[in-house]
Amino acid sequence: MKINRSAMTKKERQARSRLAKIAHELGIIRGSLMEATRTCGKEGCKCLLKDEQHKIIYISQVKDRKGRSIYVSEANKRLSEEWIKNYKEAKGLLETISEECIKRFKAKRKKDY
């Protein structure tokens, strides 16, 4: 059932508008940005010779109870941070919309009795 915008609260309209902007114009990634150190294994590299491991950045996700790591280059670190932040904001906006819909649903249910 389509909902008329005039039936929505200002809070819900604002949340829907921001969510639409995120969904249509910005990148979204669900996950967490992680840092770790590791040995690359290249012959003659300082990580083997001096025991100085390389710092790596990756996005950690769990999907279908399986973990996965997505490597992030230093050049893409800021972009990945932004897309992860967008996901978290979108999730919060969906929660706001849900709460407003619950209020509307309860009000409608009372009228039906």
C-alpha atoms as a PDB file:
ATOM      1  CA  MET A   1       0.000   0.000   0.000  1.00  0.00           C
ATOM      2  CA  LYS A   2       1.437   3.341  -1.038  1.00  0.00           C
ATOM      3  CA  ILE A   3       1.555   5.961   1.696  1.00  0.00           C
ATOM      4  CA  ASN A   4       0.743   9.582   0.957  1.00  0.00           C
ATOM      5  CA  ARG A   5       3.536  11.905   2.131  1.00  0.00           C
ATOM      6  CA  SER A   6       0.970  14.131   3.834  1.00  0.00           C
ATOM      7  CA  ALA A   7       0.120  11.223   6.175  1.00  0.00           C
ATOM      8  CA  MET A   8       3.752  11.042   7.291  1.00  0.00           C
ATOM      9  CA  THR A   9       5.299  12.963  10.145  1.00  0.00           C
ATOM     10  CA  LYS A  10       7.999  15.504   9.374  1.00  0.00           C
ATOM     11  CA  LYS A  11      10.528  13.161  11.001  1.00  0.00           C
ATOM     12  CA  GLU A  12       9.534  10.298   8.691  1.00  0.00           C
ATOM     13  CA  ARG A  13       9.569  12.479   5.552  1.00  0.00           C
ATOM     14  CA  GLN A  14      13.067  13.722   6.395  1.00  0.00           C
ATOM     15  CA  ALA A  15      14.322  10.183   7.076  1.00  0.00           C
ATOM     16  CA  ARG A  16      12.857   8.874   3.806  1.00  0.00           C
ATOM     17  CA  SER A  17      14.338  11.766   1.848  1.00  0.00           C
ATOM     18  CA  ARG A  18      17.827  11.253   3.305  1.00  0.00           C
ATOM     19  CA  LEU A  19      17.597   7.488   2.798  1.00  0.00           C
ATOM     20  CA  ALA A  20      16.647   7.992  -0.867  1.00  0.00           C
ATOM     21  CA  LYS A  21      19.642  10.292  -1.350  1.00  0.00           C
ATOM     22  CA  ILE A  22      22.006   7.730   0.183  1.00  0.00           C
ATOM     23  CA  ALA A  23      20.519   4.879  -1.865  1.00  0.00           C
ATOM     24  CA  HIS A  24      20.562   6.727  -5.190  1.00  0.00           C
ATOM     25  CA  GLU A  25      23.642   8.917  -5.018  1.00  0.00           C
ATOM     26  CA  LEU A  26      26.140   7.474  -2.538  1.00  0.00           C
ATOM     27  CA  GLY A  27      28.015   4.218  -2.069  1.00  0.00           C
ATOM     28  CA  ILE A  28      27.017   1.828   0.702  1.00  0.00           C
ATOM     29  CA  ILE A  29      29.095  -0.951   2.260  1.00  0.00           C
ATOM     30  CA  ARG A  30      28.052  -3.113   5.205  1.00  0.00           C
ATOM     31  CA  GLY A  31      31.085  -4.048   7.237  1.00  0.00           C
ATOM     32  CA  SER A  32      33.803  -2.804   9.532  1.00  0.00           C
ATOM     33  CA  LEU A  33      37.147  -1.301   8.615  1.00  0.00           C
ATOM     34  CA  MET A  34      39.946  -3.254  10.242  1.00  0.00           C
ATOM     35  CA  GLU A  35      43.719  -2.923  10.437  1.00  0.00           C
ATOM     36  CA  ALA A  36      46.189  -5.756  10.821  1.00  0.00           C
ATOM     37  CA  THR A  37      49.832  -6.533  10.232  1.00  0.00           C
ATOM     38  CA  ARG A  38      51.247  -9.366   8.186  1.00  0.00           C
ATOM     39  CA  THR A  39      54.296 -10.741   6.509  1.00  0.00           C
ATOM     40  CA  CYS A  40      54.244 -10.534   2.726  1.00  0.00           C
ATOM     41  CA  GLY A  41      56.685 -13.372   2.089  1.00  0.00           C
ATOM     42  CA  LYS A  42      58.716 -11.599  -0.591  1.00  0.00           C
ATOM     43  CA  GLU A  43      62.335 -12.656  -0.546  1.00  0.00           C
ATOM     44  CA  GLY A  44      64.552  -9.927   0.894  1.00  0.00           C
ATOM     45  CA  CYS A  45      61.658  -7.843   2.260  1.00  0.00           C
ATOM     46  CA  LYS A  46      62.122  -6.060   5.588  1.00  0.00           C
ATOM     47  CA  CYS A  47      59.143  -7.956   7.019  1.00  0.00           C
ATOM     48  CA  LEU A  48      61.190 -11.146   6.833  1.00  0.00           C
ATOM     49  CA  LEU A  49      64.632  -9.719   7.527  1.00  0.00           C
ATOM     50  CA  LYS A  50      63.821  -7.293  10.361  1.00  0.00           C
ATOM     51  CA  ASP A  51      60.532  -8.765  11.513  1.00  0.00           C
ATOM     52  CA  GLU A  52      58.732  -5.512  10.562  1.00  0.00           C
ATOM     53  CA  GLN A  53      55.329  -6.552   9.359  1.00  0.00           C
ATOM     54  CA  HIS A  54      53.294  -4.592   6.821  1.00  0.00           C
ATOM     55  CA  LYS A  55      50.162  -2.758   7.939  1.00  0.00           C
ATOM     56  CA  ILE A  56      47.086  -3.707   5.910  1.00  0.00           C
ATOM     57  CA  ILE A  57      43.550  -2.337   5.916  1.00  0.00           C
ATOM     58  CA  TYR A  58      40.513  -4.411   5.055  1.00  0.00           C
ATOM     59  CA  ILE A  59      36.752  -4.466   5.294  1.00  0.00           C
ATOM     60  CA  SER A  60      35.470  -7.289   7.457  1.00  0.00           C
ATOM     61  CA  GLN A  61      32.035  -8.743   6.725  1.00  0.00           C
ATOM     62  CA  VAL A  62      30.016 -11.712   7.864  1.00  0.00           C
ATOM     63  CA  LYS A  63      27.470 -13.101   5.422  1.00  0.00           C
ATOM     64  CA  ASP A  64      25.606 -16.378   5.839  1.00  0.00           C
ATOM     65  CA  ARG A  65      27.728 -17.038   8.960  1.00  0.00           C
ATOM     66  CA  LYS A  66      30.894 -16.856   6.866  1.00  0.00           C
ATOM     67  CA  GLY A  67      33.483 -14.149   7.343  1.00  0.00           C
ATOM     68  CA  ARG A  68      35.185 -12.414   4.473  1.00  0.00           C
ATOM     69  CA  SER A  69      37.853  -9.775   4.192  1.00  0.00           C
ATOM     70  CA  ILE A  70      38.100  -7.250   1.379  1.00  0.00           C
ATOM     71  CA  TYR A  71      41.478  -5.582   0.971  1.00  0.00           C
ATOM     72  CA  VAL A  72      41.446  -1.765   0.983  1.00  0.00           C
ATOM     73  CA  SER A  73      44.350   0.161  -0.483  1.00  0.00           C
ATOM     74  CA  GLU A  74      45.560   3.259   1.343  1.00  0.00           C
ATOM     75  CA  ALA A  75      44.179   5.312  -1.573  1.00  0.00           C
ATOM     76  CA  ASN A  76      40.679   3.887  -1.021  1.00  0.00           C
ATOM     77  CA  LYS A  77      40.632   4.030   2.777  1.00  0.00           C
ATOM     78  CA  ARG A  78      38.699   7.315   2.974  1.00  0.00           C
ATOM     79  CA  LEU A  79      36.137   6.152   0.394  1.00  0.00           C
ATOM     80  CA  SER A  80      35.553   2.867   2.228  1.00  0.00           C
ATOM     81  CA  GLU A  81      35.137   4.753   5.535  1.00  0.00           C
ATOM     82  CA  GLU A  82      32.540   7.003   3.900  1.00  0.00           C
ATOM     83  CA  TRP A  83      30.587   4.102   2.373  1.00  0.00           C
ATOM     84  CA  ILE A  84      30.573   2.209   5.683  1.00  0.00           C
ATOM     85  CA  LYS A  85      29.359   5.381   7.437  1.00  0.00           C
ATOM     86  CA  ASN A  86      26.590   5.697   4.807  1.00  0.00           C
ATOM     87  CA  TYR A  87      25.444   2.141   5.550  1.00  0.00           C
ATOM     88  CA  LYS A  88      25.242   2.856   9.273  1.00  0.00           C
ATOM     89  CA  GLU A  89      23.292   6.060   8.631  1.00  0.00           C
ATOM     90  CA  ALA A  90      20.889   4.248   6.268  1.00  0.00           C
ATOM     91  CA  LYS A  91      20.325   1.553   8.877  1.00  0.00           C
ATOM     92  CA  GLY A  92      19.442   4.205  11.468  1.00  0.00           C
ATOM     93  CA  LEU A  93      17.111   5.956   9.031  1.00  0.00           C
ATOM     94  CA  LEU A  94      15.299   2.681   8.343  1.00  0.00           C
ATOM     95  CA  GLU A  95      14.830   2.248  12.088  1.00  0.00           C
ATOM     96  CA  THR A  96      13.371   5.765  12.325  1.00  0.00           C
ATOM     97  CA  ILE A  97      10.978   5.074   9.439  1.00  0.00           C
ATOM     98  CA  SER A  98       9.957   1.763  10.994  1.00  0.00           C
ATOM     99  CA  GLU A  99       9.140   3.412  14.318  1.00  0.00           C
ATOM    100  CA  GLU A 100       7.022   6.072  12.601  1.00  0.00           C
ATOM    101  CA  CYS A 101       5.178   3.377  10.605  1.00  0.00           C
ATOM    102  CA  ILE A 102       4.492   1.433  13.793  1.00  0.00           C
ATOM    103  CA  LYS A 103       2.906   4.549  15.322  1.00  0.00           C
ATOM    104  CA  ARG A 104       0.767   5.044  12.199  1.00  0.00           C
ATOM    105  CA  PHE A 105      -0.190   1.355  12.167  1.00  0.00           C
ATOM    106  CA  LYS A 106      -1.259   1.411  15.814  1.00  0.00           C
ATOM    107  CA  ALA A 107      -3.331   4.545  15.225  1.00  0.00           C
ATOM    108  CA  LYS A 108      -5.035   2.953  12.218  1.00  0.00           C
ATOM    109  CA  ARG A 109      -5.665  -0.261  14.138  1.00  0.00           C
ATOM    110  CA  LYS A 110      -7.447   1.702  16.897  1.00  0.00           C
ATOM    111  CA  LYS A 111      -9.723   3.342  14.295  1.00  0.00           C
ATOM    112  CA  ASP A 112     -10.637  -0.072  12.875  1.00  0.00           C
ATOM    113  CA  TYR A 113     -12.083  -1.258  16.215  1.00  0.00           C
END
